[in-house]
Amino acid sequence: MHISANVFSAGLSAINSGQEQLASAAQAIAQQSSSAPAATAVPMIDIGNLTEQLLMLEQAKQMSELGARVISTAEESLGTLIDIQA
């Protein structure tokens, strides 16, 4: 059995993509809430855009978790191979 460095790279790439998407969605939410007019009693927030950004946050979380599971599985497989060879 051969554990490629590409597996670790794919897991790390998924985690990095998740973090970038998380930062982008969080920034969009922050900008939307800060751009609401202060003169009104109730700030006007675009619920559709907010919902989309919250879904992006959830997707980013799942992508990061998936990357971590890929790395963990590859690490376990590598450890098993090392134990078998020893």
N, C-alpha and C. Protein backbone atom coordinates (compact mmCIF):
# COMPACT_ATOMS: atom_id res chain seq x y z
N MET A 1 0.85 -1.18 0.00
CA MET A 1 0.00 0.00 0.00
C MET A 1 0.89 1.23 0.00
N HIS A 2 0.54 2.19 -0.81
CA HIS A 2 1.35 3.40 -0.95
C HIS A 2 0.49 4.60 -0.55
N ILE A 3 0.94 5.34 0.45
CA ILE A 3 0.27 6.57 0.87
C ILE A 3 1.00 7.72 0.21
N SER A 4 0.36 8.36 -0.70
CA SER A 4 0.97 9.44 -1.46
C SER A 4 0.93 10.76 -0.68
N ALA A 5 1.92 11.56 -0.93
CA ALA A 5 1.92 12.90 -0.34
C ALA A 5 0.75 13.72 -0.89
N ASN A 6 0.22 13.28 -2.05
CA ASN A 6 -0.92 13.98 -2.63
C ASN A 6 -2.15 13.91 -1.73
N VAL A 7 -2.28 12.82 -0.96
CA VAL A 7 -3.42 12.69 -0.05
C VAL A 7 -3.32 13.75 1.04
N PHE A 8 -2.14 13.89 1.61
CA PHE A 8 -1.95 14.92 2.63
C PHE A 8 -2.16 16.31 2.03
N SER A 9 -1.66 16.50 0.83
CA SER A 9 -1.81 17.78 0.14
C SER A 9 -3.27 18.09 -0.14
N ALA A 10 -4.04 17.08 -0.54
CA ALA A 10 -5.47 17.29 -0.81
C ALA A 10 -6.21 17.67 0.46
N GLY A 11 -5.88 17.02 1.56
CA GLY A 11 -6.50 17.35 2.84
C GLY A 11 -6.17 18.77 3.27
N LEU A 12 -4.92 19.14 3.14
CA LEU A 12 -4.49 20.49 3.51
C LEU A 12 -5.14 21.53 2.60
N SER A 13 -5.26 21.21 1.33
CA SER A 13 -5.90 22.12 0.38
C SER A 13 -7.37 22.34 0.74
N ALA A 14 -8.05 21.28 1.15
CA ALA A 14 -9.46 21.41 1.55
C ALA A 14 -9.58 22.29 2.79
N ILE A 15 -8.68 22.13 3.74
CA ILE A 15 -8.71 22.95 4.95
C ILE A 15 -8.46 24.42 4.59
N ASN A 16 -7.47 24.68 3.75
CA ASN A 16 -7.17 26.05 3.34
C ASN A 16 -8.33 26.68 2.59
N SER A 17 -8.96 25.93 1.70
CA SER A 17 -10.12 26.45 0.97
C SER A 17 -11.26 26.78 1.92
N GLY A 18 -11.47 25.91 2.89
CA GLY A 18 -12.50 26.15 3.89
C GLY A 18 -12.24 27.42 4.69
N GLN A 19 -10.99 27.63 5.06
CA GLN A 19 -10.64 28.83 5.83
C GLN A 19 -10.83 30.09 5.00
N GLU A 20 -10.45 30.04 3.72
CA GLU A 20 -10.62 31.20 2.85
C GLU A 20 -12.10 31.52 2.66
N GLN A 21 -12.91 30.49 2.45
CA GLN A 21 -14.34 30.69 2.26
C GLN A 21 -14.97 31.22 3.55
N LEU A 22 -14.53 30.72 4.69
CA LEU A 22 -15.03 31.19 5.97
C LEU A 22 -14.73 32.67 6.16
N ALA A 23 -13.50 33.08 5.86
CA ALA A 23 -13.11 34.48 6.02
C ALA A 23 -13.91 35.37 5.07
N SER A 24 -14.13 34.92 3.85
CA SER A 24 -14.88 35.70 2.87
C SER A 24 -16.33 35.89 3.31
N ALA A 25 -16.96 34.81 3.75
CA ALA A 25 -18.35 34.89 4.18
C ALA A 25 -18.49 35.74 5.44
N ALA A 26 -17.57 35.59 6.37
CA ALA A 26 -17.62 36.38 7.60
C ALA A 26 -17.45 37.86 7.30
N GLN A 27 -16.57 38.18 6.38
CA GLN A 27 -16.36 39.58 6.00
C GLN A 27 -17.61 40.14 5.33
N ALA A 28 -18.25 39.36 4.48
CA ALA A 28 -19.47 39.82 3.81
C ALA A 28 -20.58 40.08 4.82
N ILE A 29 -20.69 39.22 5.82
CA ILE A 29 -21.70 39.42 6.87
C ILE A 29 -21.40 40.68 7.67
N ALA A 30 -20.13 40.86 8.03
CA ALA A 30 -19.74 42.04 8.80
C ALA A 30 -19.99 43.33 8.02
N GLN A 31 -19.67 43.32 6.73
CA GLN A 31 -19.89 44.52 5.91
C GLN A 31 -21.37 44.82 5.76
N GLN A 32 -22.18 43.79 5.63
CA GLN A 32 -23.61 43.99 5.47
C GLN A 32 -24.21 44.61 6.73
N SER A 33 -23.80 44.14 7.89
CA SER A 33 -24.38 44.67 9.13
C SER A 33 -23.86 46.07 9.43
N SER A 34 -22.63 46.39 9.00
CA SER A 34 -22.11 47.72 9.27
C SER A 34 -22.60 48.75 8.24
N SER A 35 -23.09 48.30 7.10
CA SER A 35 -23.57 49.23 6.07
C SER A 35 -25.03 49.58 6.25
N ALA A 36 -25.70 49.01 7.25
CA ALA A 36 -27.10 49.34 7.49
C ALA A 36 -27.19 50.79 7.97
N PRO A 37 -28.18 51.53 7.49
CA PRO A 37 -28.30 52.94 7.89
C PRO A 37 -28.59 53.08 9.38
N ALA A 38 -27.87 53.99 10.02
CA ALA A 38 -28.01 54.19 11.47
C ALA A 38 -29.24 55.02 11.82
N ALA A 39 -29.81 55.75 10.86
CA ALA A 39 -30.93 56.63 11.13
C ALA A 39 -32.23 55.87 11.39
N THR A 40 -32.34 54.67 10.89
CA THR A 40 -33.56 53.91 11.07
C THR A 40 -33.54 53.17 12.39
N ALA A 41 -34.71 52.95 12.95
CA ALA A 41 -34.80 52.24 14.23
C ALA A 41 -34.45 50.77 14.05
N VAL A 42 -34.85 50.21 12.93
CA VAL A 42 -34.56 48.81 12.65
C VAL A 42 -33.65 48.75 11.43
N PRO A 43 -32.44 48.21 11.58
CA PRO A 43 -31.54 48.16 10.42
C PRO A 43 -32.12 47.26 9.33
N MET A 44 -31.95 47.68 8.09
CA MET A 44 -32.42 46.90 6.95
C MET A 44 -31.30 45.96 6.53
N ILE A 45 -31.55 44.69 6.68
CA ILE A 45 -30.57 43.68 6.32
C ILE A 45 -31.17 42.80 5.24
N ASP A 46 -30.39 42.54 4.21
CA ASP A 46 -30.81 41.67 3.12
C ASP A 46 -30.78 40.23 3.62
N ILE A 47 -31.95 39.70 3.96
CA ILE A 47 -32.04 38.36 4.54
C ILE A 47 -31.54 37.30 3.56
N GLY A 48 -31.84 37.49 2.27
CA GLY A 48 -31.39 36.52 1.27
C GLY A 48 -29.88 36.43 1.23
N ASN A 49 -29.21 37.58 1.24
CA ASN A 49 -27.75 37.59 1.22
C ASN A 49 -27.18 37.03 2.52
N LEU A 50 -27.80 37.37 3.62
CA LEU A 50 -27.35 36.87 4.92
C LEU A 50 -27.47 35.34 4.97
N THR A 51 -28.58 34.83 4.46
CA THR A 51 -28.79 33.38 4.43
C THR A 51 -27.73 32.71 3.57
N GLU A 52 -27.45 33.31 2.42
CA GLU A 52 -26.42 32.76 1.53
C GLU A 52 -25.06 32.73 2.21
N GLN A 53 -24.72 33.79 2.92
CA GLN A 53 -23.43 33.85 3.61
C GLN A 53 -23.35 32.84 4.75
N LEU A 54 -24.47 32.67 5.46
CA LEU A 54 -24.49 31.67 6.53
C LEU A 54 -24.34 30.25 5.98
N LEU A 55 -24.95 30.00 4.82
CA LEU A 55 -24.77 28.70 4.17
C LEU A 55 -23.32 28.51 3.74
N MET A 56 -22.68 29.58 3.27
CA MET A 56 -21.27 29.50 2.90
C MET A 56 -20.41 29.20 4.13
N LEU A 57 -20.78 29.77 5.29
CA LEU A 57 -20.04 29.46 6.52
C LEU A 57 -20.15 27.98 6.86
N GLU A 58 -21.35 27.44 6.74
CA GLU A 58 -21.55 26.01 7.03
C GLU A 58 -20.78 25.15 6.04
N GLN A 59 -20.79 25.52 4.78
CA GLN A 59 -20.05 24.78 3.76
C GLN A 59 -18.55 24.83 4.05
N ALA A 60 -18.06 26.00 4.46
CA ALA A 60 -16.64 26.14 4.80
C ALA A 60 -16.27 25.25 5.98
N LYS A 61 -17.15 25.19 6.96
CA LYS A 61 -16.92 24.33 8.13
C LYS A 61 -16.82 22.87 7.69
N GLN A 62 -17.75 22.44 6.86
CA GLN A 62 -17.75 21.06 6.41
C GLN A 62 -16.53 20.74 5.55
N MET A 63 -16.11 21.70 4.73
CA MET A 63 -14.94 21.49 3.90
C MET A 63 -13.68 21.33 4.77
N SER A 64 -13.57 22.15 5.79
CA SER A 64 -12.42 22.06 6.70
C SER A 64 -12.43 20.73 7.46
N GLU A 65 -13.60 20.32 7.91
CA GLU A 65 -13.71 19.05 8.62
C GLU A 65 -13.36 17.88 7.71
N LEU A 66 -13.80 17.95 6.46
CA LEU A 66 -13.47 16.90 5.50
C LEU A 66 -11.96 16.81 5.28
N GLY A 67 -11.31 17.96 5.10
CA GLY A 67 -9.86 17.97 4.94
C GLY A 67 -9.16 17.36 6.13
N ALA A 68 -9.64 17.69 7.33
CA ALA A 68 -9.04 17.12 8.55
C ALA A 68 -9.22 15.61 8.60
N ARG A 69 -10.39 15.13 8.18
CA ARG A 69 -10.62 13.68 8.16
C ARG A 69 -9.74 12.98 7.14
N VAL A 70 -9.53 13.62 5.99
CA VAL A 70 -8.65 13.03 4.97
C VAL A 70 -7.24 12.89 5.52
N ILE A 71 -6.74 13.95 6.14
CA ILE A 71 -5.39 13.91 6.71
C ILE A 71 -5.31 12.87 7.83
N SER A 72 -6.32 12.82 8.68
CA SER A 72 -6.33 11.86 9.78
C SER A 72 -6.33 10.42 9.27
N THR A 73 -7.14 10.15 8.24
CA THR A 73 -7.19 8.80 7.68
C THR A 73 -5.87 8.43 7.03
N ALA A 74 -5.28 9.36 6.30
CA ALA A 74 -3.98 9.10 5.66
C ALA A 74 -2.92 8.85 6.72
N GLU A 75 -2.97 9.61 7.80
CA GLU A 75 -1.99 9.45 8.88
C GLU A 75 -2.15 8.08 9.56
N GLU A 76 -3.40 7.68 9.79
CA GLU A 76 -3.65 6.36 10.39
C GLU A 76 -3.16 5.25 9.48
N SER A 77 -3.42 5.38 8.19
CA SER A 77 -2.97 4.37 7.23
C SER A 77 -1.46 4.29 7.20
N LEU A 78 -0.81 5.44 7.23
CA LEU A 78 0.64 5.47 7.23
C LEU A 78 1.18 4.82 8.50
N GLY A 79 0.55 5.12 9.63
CA GLY A 79 0.97 4.51 10.89
C GLY A 79 0.81 3.01 10.88
N THR A 80 -0.28 2.53 10.28
CA THR A 80 -0.50 1.08 10.16
C THR A 80 0.57 0.44 9.31
N LEU A 81 0.92 1.09 8.20
CA LEU A 81 1.99 0.57 7.33
C LEU A 81 3.32 0.51 8.05
N ILE A 82 3.61 1.54 8.83
CA ILE A 82 4.87 1.55 9.58
C ILE A 82 4.87 0.42 10.62
N ASP A 83 3.73 0.20 11.29
CA ASP A 83 3.65 -0.88 12.28
C ASP A 83 3.82 -2.24 11.62
N ILE A 84 3.26 -2.41 10.41
CA ILE A 84 3.36 -3.69 9.71
C ILE A 84 4.81 -3.94 9.30
N GLN A 85 5.49 -2.90 8.83
CA GLN A 85 6.88 -3.05 8.38
C GLN A 85 7.83 -3.29 9.53
N ALA A 86 7.50 -2.82 10.73
CA ALA A 86 8.41 -2.94 11.88
C ALA A 86 8.38 -4.28 12.51
